[in-house]
Amino acid sequence: VEVNRWFSRLTFPTRRAHLRDQGQRAADSVVCNIAEGINKGRRTNAGRHALRIARGEAGELAAVLDCVDVPDGPAHQQKLRRIAVKLSGLMR
């Protein structure tokens, strides 16, 4: 949620608006799929599937941050990496 709210406040150059949109969708998807995965049961197929999607979206958001120079981008990429590791643990 922290990364999602931080990203939603960022300003992107007009020529990079497509990355802003893609990043925001990924940031929203991370939060929503984690909630879905936990609520469906992290040990069920449906729950693990939602958590896998969240992990992939965290990676996508980190990639968007590779494409643009934004304040605190590297720090938030590190948070996304930690989220991905934690999600992998939840799926076991």
N, C-alpha and C. Protein backbone atom coordinates (compact mmCIF):
# COMPACT_ATOMS: atom_id res chain seq x y z
N VAL A 1 0.84 -1.19 0.00
CA VAL A 1 0.00 0.00 0.00
C VAL A 1 0.88 1.25 0.00
N GLU A 2 1.97 1.17 0.77
CA GLU A 2 2.87 2.33 0.82
C GLU A 2 3.43 2.67 -0.56
N VAL A 3 3.92 1.67 -1.27
CA VAL A 3 4.48 1.90 -2.61
C VAL A 3 3.38 2.39 -3.55
N ASN A 4 2.20 1.81 -3.44
CA ASN A 4 1.08 2.21 -4.29
C ASN A 4 0.75 3.69 -4.10
N ARG A 5 0.65 4.12 -2.86
CA ARG A 5 0.31 5.52 -2.59
C ARG A 5 1.42 6.46 -3.01
N TRP A 6 2.67 6.04 -2.81
CA TRP A 6 3.80 6.85 -3.27
C TRP A 6 3.74 7.01 -4.79
N PHE A 7 3.54 5.90 -5.50
CA PHE A 7 3.51 5.95 -6.96
C PHE A 7 2.38 6.85 -7.46
N SER A 8 1.24 6.79 -6.80
CA SER A 8 0.09 7.57 -7.27
C SER A 8 0.32 9.07 -7.15
N ARG A 9 1.29 9.48 -6.34
CA ARG A 9 1.60 10.92 -6.21
C ARG A 9 2.68 11.40 -7.17
N LEU A 10 3.32 10.47 -7.88
CA LEU A 10 4.41 10.85 -8.78
C LEU A 10 3.90 11.62 -9.99
N THR A 11 4.75 12.49 -10.47
CA THR A 11 4.48 13.21 -11.71
C THR A 11 5.45 12.69 -12.77
N PHE A 12 4.92 12.30 -13.91
CA PHE A 12 5.73 11.80 -15.01
C PHE A 12 5.75 12.83 -16.13
N PRO A 13 6.84 12.85 -16.91
CA PRO A 13 6.85 13.69 -18.10
C PRO A 13 5.74 13.25 -19.06
N THR A 14 5.18 14.17 -19.78
CA THR A 14 4.07 13.87 -20.70
C THR A 14 4.43 12.74 -21.66
N ARG A 15 5.65 12.75 -22.15
CA ARG A 15 6.04 11.72 -23.13
C ARG A 15 6.17 10.33 -22.51
N ARG A 16 6.08 10.24 -21.19
CA ARG A 16 6.15 8.95 -20.49
C ARG A 16 4.83 8.59 -19.80
N ALA A 17 3.76 9.25 -20.23
CA ALA A 17 2.44 9.02 -19.62
C ALA A 17 2.03 7.55 -19.71
N HIS A 18 2.41 6.87 -20.77
CA HIS A 18 2.05 5.45 -20.91
C HIS A 18 2.68 4.62 -19.78
N LEU A 19 3.89 4.98 -19.37
CA LEU A 19 4.53 4.26 -18.26
C LEU A 19 3.85 4.58 -16.94
N ARG A 20 3.40 5.79 -16.80
CA ARG A 20 2.67 6.19 -15.59
C ARG A 20 1.41 5.34 -15.46
N ASP A 21 0.67 5.23 -16.56
CA ASP A 21 -0.56 4.44 -16.56
C ASP A 21 -0.27 2.96 -16.27
N GLN A 22 0.73 2.42 -16.93
CA GLN A 22 1.07 1.00 -16.75
C GLN A 22 1.54 0.76 -15.32
N GLY A 23 2.34 1.67 -14.79
CA GLY A 23 2.83 1.53 -13.42
C GLY A 23 1.72 1.61 -12.40
N GLN A 24 0.76 2.50 -12.62
CA GLN A 24 -0.33 2.62 -11.67
C GLN A 24 -1.22 1.39 -11.68
N ARG A 25 -1.45 0.84 -12.87
CA ARG A 25 -2.23 -0.40 -12.94
C ARG A 25 -1.50 -1.53 -12.21
N ALA A 26 -0.18 -1.61 -12.38
CA ALA A 26 0.59 -2.65 -11.70
C ALA A 26 0.56 -2.43 -10.19
N ALA A 27 0.71 -1.19 -9.76
CA ALA A 27 0.70 -0.88 -8.32
C ALA A 27 -0.65 -1.25 -7.70
N ASP A 28 -1.73 -0.93 -8.40
CA ASP A 28 -3.07 -1.28 -7.91
C ASP A 28 -3.24 -2.79 -7.87
N SER A 29 -2.73 -3.46 -8.89
CA SER A 29 -2.87 -4.91 -8.98
C SER A 29 -2.12 -5.62 -7.86
N VAL A 30 -0.97 -5.11 -7.47
CA VAL A 30 -0.22 -5.73 -6.37
C VAL A 30 -1.09 -5.75 -5.12
N VAL A 31 -1.65 -4.60 -4.77
CA VAL A 31 -2.46 -4.51 -3.55
C VAL A 31 -3.70 -5.40 -3.64
N CYS A 32 -4.41 -5.30 -4.75
CA CYS A 32 -5.67 -6.05 -4.89
C CYS A 32 -5.44 -7.56 -4.94
N ASN A 33 -4.39 -8.00 -5.63
CA ASN A 33 -4.14 -9.44 -5.72
C ASN A 33 -3.61 -10.03 -4.43
N ILE A 34 -2.88 -9.25 -3.65
CA ILE A 34 -2.47 -9.75 -2.34
C ILE A 34 -3.71 -9.96 -1.48
N ALA A 35 -4.61 -8.98 -1.48
CA ALA A 35 -5.84 -9.11 -0.70
C ALA A 35 -6.65 -10.32 -1.17
N GLU A 36 -6.76 -10.47 -2.48
CA GLU A 36 -7.52 -11.60 -3.02
C GLU A 36 -6.88 -12.93 -2.65
N GLY A 37 -5.57 -13.02 -2.78
CA GLY A 37 -4.87 -14.26 -2.47
C GLY A 37 -5.00 -14.65 -1.01
N ILE A 38 -4.90 -13.68 -0.12
CA ILE A 38 -5.03 -13.98 1.30
C ILE A 38 -6.47 -14.37 1.63
N ASN A 39 -7.43 -13.67 1.06
CA ASN A 39 -8.83 -13.96 1.35
C ASN A 39 -9.29 -15.29 0.77
N LYS A 40 -8.72 -15.70 -0.35
CA LYS A 40 -9.09 -17.00 -0.93
C LYS A 40 -8.36 -18.15 -0.24
N GLY A 41 -7.36 -17.80 0.52
CA GLY A 41 -6.57 -18.83 1.19
C GLY A 41 -5.28 -19.05 0.45
N ARG A 42 -4.18 -18.66 1.05
CA ARG A 42 -2.90 -18.70 0.35
C ARG A 42 -2.45 -20.10 -0.01
N ARG A 43 -3.06 -21.11 0.58
CA ARG A 43 -2.68 -22.49 0.26
C ARG A 43 -3.62 -23.14 -0.77
N THR A 44 -4.62 -22.39 -1.22
CA THR A 44 -5.50 -22.91 -2.27
C THR A 44 -4.91 -22.54 -3.63
N ASN A 45 -5.34 -23.23 -4.66
CA ASN A 45 -4.86 -22.90 -6.01
C ASN A 45 -5.22 -21.46 -6.38
N ALA A 46 -6.45 -21.06 -6.08
CA ALA A 46 -6.89 -19.71 -6.43
C ALA A 46 -6.10 -18.66 -5.65
N GLY A 47 -5.84 -18.95 -4.40
CA GLY A 47 -5.07 -18.01 -3.59
C GLY A 47 -3.64 -17.88 -4.07
N ARG A 48 -3.00 -19.00 -4.37
CA ARG A 48 -1.63 -18.97 -4.88
C ARG A 48 -1.56 -18.27 -6.23
N HIS A 49 -2.57 -18.48 -7.06
CA HIS A 49 -2.61 -17.83 -8.36
C HIS A 49 -2.64 -16.31 -8.20
N ALA A 50 -3.48 -15.81 -7.31
CA ALA A 50 -3.56 -14.36 -7.08
C ALA A 50 -2.24 -13.82 -6.54
N LEU A 51 -1.60 -14.57 -5.66
CA LEU A 51 -0.32 -14.13 -5.11
C LEU A 51 0.78 -14.15 -6.18
N ARG A 52 0.72 -15.12 -7.11
CA ARG A 52 1.68 -15.14 -8.22
C ARG A 52 1.50 -13.92 -9.11
N ILE A 53 0.25 -13.56 -9.35
CA ILE A 53 -0.02 -12.35 -10.15
C ILE A 53 0.54 -11.13 -9.43
N ALA A 54 0.30 -11.03 -8.14
CA ALA A 54 0.81 -9.88 -7.37
C ALA A 54 2.33 -9.81 -7.47
N ARG A 55 3.00 -10.96 -7.38
CA ARG A 55 4.47 -10.99 -7.49
C ARG A 55 4.92 -10.51 -8.86
N GLY A 56 4.24 -10.93 -9.89
CA GLY A 56 4.57 -10.49 -11.25
C GLY A 56 4.34 -9.01 -11.44
N GLU A 57 3.27 -8.50 -10.88
CA GLU A 57 2.97 -7.08 -11.00
C GLU A 57 3.98 -6.23 -10.23
N ALA A 58 4.48 -6.75 -9.11
CA ALA A 58 5.53 -6.04 -8.36
C ALA A 58 6.78 -5.93 -9.23
N GLY A 59 7.09 -6.99 -9.95
CA GLY A 59 8.22 -6.95 -10.87
C GLY A 59 8.01 -5.98 -12.01
N GLU A 60 6.79 -5.93 -12.51
CA GLU A 60 6.48 -5.00 -13.58
C GLU A 60 6.63 -3.55 -13.11
N LEU A 61 6.14 -3.28 -11.92
CA LEU A 61 6.27 -1.92 -11.38
C LEU A 61 7.73 -1.56 -11.19
N ALA A 62 8.55 -2.49 -10.71
CA ALA A 62 9.98 -2.23 -10.57
C ALA A 62 10.60 -1.92 -11.93
N ALA A 63 10.16 -2.60 -12.97
CA ALA A 63 10.67 -2.35 -14.32
C ALA A 63 10.27 -0.96 -14.82
N VAL A 64 9.04 -0.55 -14.52
CA VAL A 64 8.62 0.81 -14.89
C VAL A 64 9.55 1.82 -14.23
N LEU A 65 9.90 1.57 -12.97
CA LEU A 65 10.79 2.48 -12.27
C LEU A 65 12.20 2.47 -12.85
N ASP A 66 12.59 1.38 -13.53
CA ASP A 66 13.86 1.36 -14.24
C ASP A 66 13.85 2.31 -15.43
N CYS A 67 12.67 2.54 -15.99
CA CYS A 67 12.54 3.33 -17.22
C CYS A 67 12.47 4.83 -16.98
N VAL A 68 12.20 5.25 -15.77
CA VAL A 68 12.06 6.68 -15.48
C VAL A 68 12.91 7.04 -14.26
N ASP A 69 13.34 8.27 -14.23
CA ASP A 69 14.12 8.77 -13.09
C ASP A 69 13.17 9.55 -12.19
N VAL A 70 12.77 8.93 -11.10
CA VAL A 70 11.86 9.58 -10.16
C VAL A 70 12.48 9.59 -8.77
N PRO A 71 12.12 10.57 -7.96
CA PRO A 71 12.67 10.63 -6.60
C PRO A 71 12.33 9.35 -5.82
N ASP A 72 13.31 8.82 -5.14
CA ASP A 72 13.15 7.63 -4.29
C ASP A 72 12.80 6.36 -5.06
N GLY A 73 12.96 6.38 -6.38
CA GLY A 73 12.66 5.20 -7.18
C GLY A 73 13.43 3.96 -6.73
N PRO A 74 14.76 4.05 -6.58
CA PRO A 74 15.52 2.86 -6.17
C PRO A 74 15.10 2.32 -4.79
N ALA A 75 14.77 3.19 -3.88
CA ALA A 75 14.33 2.73 -2.55
C ALA A 75 13.02 1.97 -2.65
N HIS A 76 12.13 2.43 -3.51
CA HIS A 76 10.85 1.74 -3.67
C HIS A 76 11.00 0.45 -4.48
N GLN A 77 11.97 0.42 -5.39
CA GLN A 77 12.26 -0.84 -6.07
C GLN A 77 12.72 -1.89 -5.07
N GLN A 78 13.52 -1.48 -4.11
CA GLN A 78 13.98 -2.41 -3.08
C GLN A 78 12.79 -2.94 -2.28
N LYS A 79 11.84 -2.09 -1.97
CA LYS A 79 10.63 -2.53 -1.26
C LYS A 79 9.86 -3.54 -2.11
N LEU A 80 9.78 -3.29 -3.41
CA LEU A 80 9.07 -4.21 -4.30
C LEU A 80 9.77 -5.57 -4.34
N ARG A 81 11.10 -5.56 -4.31
CA ARG A 81 11.83 -6.84 -4.29
C ARG A 81 11.53 -7.61 -3.01
N ARG A 82 11.47 -6.89 -1.89
CA ARG A 82 11.15 -7.55 -0.61
C ARG A 82 9.72 -8.10 -0.63
N ILE A 83 8.81 -7.35 -1.24
CA ILE A 83 7.43 -7.83 -1.38
C ILE A 83 7.41 -9.12 -2.18
N ALA A 84 8.15 -9.16 -3.28
CA ALA A 84 8.18 -10.36 -4.14
C ALA A 84 8.72 -11.56 -3.36
N VAL A 85 9.74 -11.35 -2.55
CA VAL A 85 10.30 -12.46 -1.76
C VAL A 85 9.27 -12.94 -0.75
N LYS A 86 8.59 -12.02 -0.09
CA LYS A 86 7.58 -12.40 0.90
C LYS A 86 6.43 -13.15 0.23
N LEU A 87 6.03 -12.70 -0.96
CA LEU A 87 4.96 -13.39 -1.66
C LEU A 87 5.37 -14.82 -2.03
N SER A 88 6.61 -14.99 -2.43
CA SER A 88 7.10 -16.34 -2.74
C SER A 88 6.99 -17.24 -1.50
N GLY A 89 7.31 -16.69 -0.35
CA GLY A 89 7.20 -17.45 0.89
C GLY A 89 5.76 -17.79 1.24
N LEU A 90 4.85 -16.88 0.97
CA LEU A 90 3.43 -17.12 1.26
C LEU A 90 2.85 -18.23 0.39
N MET A 91 3.42 -18.41 -0.80
CA MET A 91 2.87 -19.40 -1.72
C MET A 91 3.34 -20.81 -1.41
N ARG A 92 4.26 -20.98 -0.49
CA ARG A 92 4.77 -22.33 -0.18
C ARG A 92 3.78 -23.10 0.64
